[in-house]
Protein backbone atom coordinates (compact mmCIF):
# COMPACT_ATOMS: atom_id res chain seq x y z
CA MET A 1 12.71 37.90 -19.12
CA ARG A 2 14.64 36.52 -15.88
CA PRO A 3 11.45 36.58 -13.59
CA SER A 4 9.76 34.34 -16.57
CA THR A 5 12.71 32.17 -16.48
CA ASP A 6 12.70 31.93 -12.77
CA ARG A 7 8.91 30.94 -12.74
CA ARG A 8 9.55 28.50 -15.26
CA ARG A 9 12.50 26.64 -13.27
CA HIS A 10 10.24 26.95 -10.19
CA ALA A 11 7.64 25.23 -12.04
CA ASP A 12 9.62 22.31 -12.91
CA VAL A 13 10.30 21.48 -9.24
CA LEU A 14 8.09 18.95 -7.44
CA GLU A 15 8.59 19.23 -3.85
CA ILE A 16 7.82 16.12 -1.51
CA SER A 17 7.87 16.92 2.31
CA GLY A 18 8.08 14.54 5.04
CA LEU A 19 9.09 11.52 2.83
CA ARG A 20 11.15 9.95 5.38
CA ALA A 21 8.57 10.07 8.35
CA THR A 22 5.95 9.01 5.71
CA VAL A 23 7.82 6.17 4.79
CA LEU A 24 8.62 5.11 8.41
CA ARG A 25 4.96 5.42 9.51
CA ALA A 26 3.78 3.30 6.46
CA LEU A 27 6.20 0.50 7.43
CA ARG A 28 5.21 0.48 10.93
CA LEU A 29 1.51 0.43 9.84
CA LEU A 30 2.45 -2.68 7.53
CA VAL A 31 4.00 -4.68 10.33
CA GLU A 32 1.19 -3.74 12.88
CA ALA A 33 -1.78 -4.59 10.74
CA VAL A 34 -0.55 -7.14 8.37
CA VAL A 35 2.71 -9.13 9.56
CA VAL A 36 2.28 -9.28 13.16
CA PRO A 37 -1.32 -10.63 13.09
CA THR A 38 -0.56 -13.24 10.19
CA VAL A 39 2.77 -14.39 11.82
CA LEU A 40 0.72 -14.91 15.02
CA LEU A 41 -1.76 -16.76 13.21
CA ALA A 42 0.77 -19.18 11.64
CA VAL A 43 2.83 -19.81 14.66
CA LEU A 44 -0.45 -20.51 16.82
CA LEU A 45 -2.47 -22.48 14.54
CA ASN A 46 -0.92 -25.84 15.12
CA VAL A 47 -0.83 -24.82 18.81
CA ILE A 48 -4.17 -23.74 19.90
CA GLY A 49 -6.28 -24.42 16.83
CA THR A 50 -8.10 -22.43 14.04
CA THR A 51 -10.72 -20.57 16.18
CA ALA A 52 -8.37 -19.49 19.11
CA SER A 53 -5.43 -18.41 16.70
CA ILE A 54 -7.91 -16.19 14.61
CA LEU A 55 -9.15 -14.84 17.69
CA VAL A 56 -5.50 -13.80 18.96
CA ALA A 57 -4.81 -12.29 15.50
CA VAL A 58 -7.90 -10.04 15.96
CA GLY A 59 -7.02 -9.40 19.64
CA TRP A 60 -3.50 -8.07 18.50
CA CYS A 61 -5.22 -5.51 16.22
CA ALA A 62 -7.43 -4.38 19.01
CA LEU A 63 -4.37 -4.06 21.15
CA ALA A 64 -2.42 -1.95 18.71
CA ILE A 65 -5.31 0.17 18.28
CA GLY A 66 -5.77 0.82 21.95
CA PHE A 67 -2.23 1.48 22.40
CA ARG A 68 -2.11 3.86 19.48
CA TRP A 69 -5.17 5.94 21.03
CA LEU A 70 -3.61 5.86 24.48
CA ARG A 71 -0.50 7.10 23.09
CA GLU A 72 -1.39 9.65 20.57
CA ARG A 73 -4.88 10.24 21.11
CA ARG A 74 -5.33 9.46 17.25
CA LEU A 75 -5.86 6.48 14.92
CA PRO A 76 -4.41 6.30 11.73
CA GLY A 77 -6.82 5.61 9.06
CA THR A 78 -4.44 2.92 7.40
CA LEU A 79 -4.51 0.90 10.81
CA LEU A 80 -8.24 1.05 11.17
CA LEU A 81 -8.79 0.01 7.72
CA GLY A 82 -6.46 -3.00 8.02
CA SER A 83 -7.89 -4.15 11.29
CA ALA A 84 -11.43 -3.77 9.69
CA ALA A 85 -10.46 -5.96 6.77
CA LEU A 86 -8.90 -8.62 9.26
CA ALA A 87 -11.72 -8.72 11.69
CA ALA A 88 -14.18 -8.95 8.31
CA ARG A 89 -12.05 -11.92 7.02
CA ALA A 90 -11.79 -13.71 10.70
CA ALA A 91 -15.78 -13.27 10.89
CA PHE A 92 -16.08 -15.04 7.40
CA ALA A 93 -13.37 -17.51 8.15
CA LEU A 94 -15.22 -18.37 11.81
CA ALA A 95 -18.53 -18.37 10.21
CA SER A 96 -17.46 -21.08 7.38
CA GLY A 97 -15.07 -23.05 9.81
CA SER A 98 -12.28 -22.74 7.23
CA LEU A 99 -9.33 -21.03 7.26
CA LEU A 100 -9.06 -21.28 3.59
CA VAL A 101 -11.72 -18.53 3.30
CA TYR A 102 -9.50 -16.47 5.46
CA LEU A 103 -6.53 -16.97 2.95
CA LEU A 104 -8.48 -16.65 -0.24
CA GLN A 105 -9.90 -13.10 0.61
CA PRO A 106 -6.77 -11.22 0.33
CA VAL A 107 -5.95 -13.02 -2.99
CA LEU A 108 -9.39 -11.85 -4.38
CA GLY A 109 -8.53 -8.58 -3.06
CA SER A 110 -5.35 -8.29 -5.06
CA VAL A 111 -6.94 -9.67 -8.15
CA VAL A 112 -9.49 -6.56 -7.53
CA MET A 113 -6.58 -4.34 -7.24
CA ALA A 114 -4.79 -5.50 -10.41
CA VAL A 115 -7.80 -5.28 -12.49
CA LEU A 116 -8.46 -1.61 -11.18
CA PHE A 117 -5.12 -0.44 -11.80
CA LEU A 118 -4.42 -1.99 -15.03
CA GLY A 119 -7.71 -1.30 -16.41
CA SER A 120 -7.33 2.48 -15.32
CA ALA A 121 -4.04 2.22 -17.26
CA ALA A 122 -5.41 0.89 -20.31
CA LEU A 123 -8.22 3.41 -20.45
CA GLY A 124 -5.54 6.45 -20.16
CA ARG A 125 -7.11 7.31 -16.93
CA PRO A 126 -4.69 5.87 -14.37
CA ILE A 127 -5.75 5.76 -10.91
CA THR A 128 -2.17 6.41 -9.61
CA MET A 129 -2.61 10.20 -10.62
CA ARG A 130 -5.62 10.47 -8.13
CA LEU A 131 -3.91 8.60 -5.41
CA ALA A 132 -0.76 10.75 -5.84
CA ARG A 133 -3.07 14.03 -5.16
CA ASP A 134 -4.28 12.66 -2.00
CA PHE A 135 -0.67 12.20 -0.51
CA VAL A 136 1.29 15.15 -2.39
CA HIS A 137 0.34 18.44 -3.77
CA VAL A 138 0.99 18.02 -7.43
CA PRO A 139 0.25 21.58 -9.27
CA ALA A 140 -2.09 21.32 -12.21
CA HIS A 141 0.55 22.62 -14.83
CA ILE A 142 2.53 19.54 -13.99
CA LEU A 143 -0.01 17.08 -14.00
CA ASP A 144 -1.29 18.59 -17.53
CA ARG A 145 2.01 17.52 -19.09
CA HIS A 146 1.91 14.49 -21.36
CA GLY A 147 5.02 12.88 -20.01
CA VAL A 148 3.88 13.14 -16.40
CA ARG A 149 0.36 11.44 -17.34
CA ARG A 150 2.52 8.73 -19.31
CA MET A 151 4.48 8.25 -16.09
CA PHE A 152 1.44 7.61 -13.96
CA THR A 153 0.18 5.33 -16.45
CA GLU A 154 3.49 3.54 -16.35
CA VAL A 155 3.37 3.32 -12.62
CA ALA A 156 -0.27 2.06 -12.43
CA VAL A 157 1.00 -0.92 -14.82
CA ILE A 158 3.79 -1.63 -12.66
CA TRP A 159 1.27 -1.73 -9.43
CA GLY A 160 -1.13 -3.67 -11.61
CA LEU A 161 1.65 -6.33 -12.17
CA SER A 162 2.87 -6.63 -8.90
CA ARG A 163 -0.96 -7.59 -7.61
CA LEU A 164 -0.92 -10.19 -10.17
CA LEU A 165 2.67 -11.42 -8.97
CA ASP A 166 1.09 -11.54 -5.21
CA VAL A 167 -1.81 -13.61 -6.35
CA ALA A 168 0.40 -16.18 -8.05
CA LEU A 169 2.69 -16.13 -5.19
CA ASN A 170 -0.11 -16.77 -2.53
CA LEU A 171 -2.02 -19.41 -4.72
CA GLY A 172 1.24 -21.17 -5.30
CA PHE A 173 2.16 -21.48 -1.55
CA LEU A 174 -1.24 -22.39 -0.60
CA HIS A 175 -0.80 -25.51 -3.00
CA TYR A 176 1.81 -26.63 -0.38
CA GLY A 177 -0.87 -25.99 2.55
CA VAL A 178 -2.28 -23.69 4.81
CA ASP A 179 0.79 -23.16 6.94
CA ALA A 180 3.04 -22.41 3.91
CA ALA A 181 0.25 -20.03 2.56
CA LEU A 182 0.20 -18.13 6.03
CA TRP A 183 3.80 -17.58 5.86
CA ALA A 184 4.04 -16.44 2.69
CA ARG A 185 1.08 -13.88 3.41
CA GLY A 186 2.46 -12.80 6.28
CA LEU A 187 6.30 -12.43 5.16
CA LEU A 188 6.36 -12.51 1.49
CA SER A 189 3.36 -10.46 0.40
CA PRO A 190 4.94 -7.38 2.66
CA VAL A 191 8.12 -7.86 1.24
CA LEU A 192 6.81 -7.75 -2.39
CA THR A 193 4.46 -4.66 -1.44
CA VAL A 194 7.73 -2.86 -0.42
CA LEU A 195 9.52 -3.97 -3.67
CA ALA A 196 6.63 -2.78 -5.64
CA VAL A 197 6.69 0.55 -3.90
CA THR A 198 10.21 0.96 -4.36
CA ALA A 199 10.07 0.01 -8.24
CA CYS A 200 7.38 2.42 -8.67
CA THR A 201 8.87 5.33 -6.78
CA PHE A 202 12.44 4.69 -8.70
CA TRP A 203 10.42 4.56 -11.99
CA GLY A 204 8.47 7.65 -11.36
CA TRP A 205 11.63 9.71 -10.22
CA ARG A 206 13.49 8.47 -13.34
CA SER A 207 10.59 9.30 -15.59
CA LEU A 208 10.18 12.75 -14.21
CA ARG A 209 13.85 13.57 -14.61
CA ARG A 210 13.87 12.44 -18.13
CA ILE A 211 11.05 15.01 -18.88
CA GLY A 212 12.70 17.92 -16.93
CA ILE A 213 11.02 17.88 -13.50
CA ARG A 214 13.10 17.73 -10.54
CA VAL A 215 11.62 16.10 -7.44
CA LYS A 216 12.82 17.99 -4.56
CA VAL A 217 12.49 15.97 -0.86
CA THR A 218 12.70 18.00 2.23
CA ALA A 219 12.50 17.02 5.80
CA GLY A 220 9.75 19.36 7.09
CA PRO A 221 6.04 18.03 7.86
CA ALA A 222 4.29 16.70 4.70
CA ALA A 223 2.03 19.47 2.92
CA ARG A 224 -1.64 19.06 3.02
CA PRO A 225 -2.93 18.58 -0.21
CA ALA A 226 -5.48 20.95 -1.34
CA GLY A 227 -9.32 19.97 -0.45
CA ALA A 228 -7.99 17.38 1.85
């Protein structure tokens, strides 16, 4: 009877490795790929013009990628994705000759994200469950629990609502002009993202505790998910 009890207790522990390093790395990537280029664009827009300021923002991303490659001999996928998205937005903005196009593209992206997360929650197949398995090894017997699936659904709703709030925030500041919208996109949107991540993390941790699953955070390197 004792071995069975021990196995049950072990099964109710979800271990997450390298959380602190992962969070710091994510914040650094957010600053490099979103905050700095947007702030550069906002500061330089009225100094050197729209075209030159967009090129400086893209040049910053290229510099960040080059520095990372020389220093670490590897490139984070998030940095590449963020830089590619910024380059695509810049290309559309330069082709259209309008900075409004540059600002509206991430707003449309937030709309798509909101529909994706809220829609998956409404269908009972939260996308947060798939995303979690990309970063954390979650045993199948834990995923099969009804309370765990409900938690992932609730987190998907929280994140979807945060994206709708991001849309409202950016459109609201755009009403006051391009400069205000740029500052909102470069500073307030990242803050909102961090707050949304914090809210999702707290809600998930709280929900897991309520159904008897203990989250154990270790300082070691992150475990590599199966099939990664």
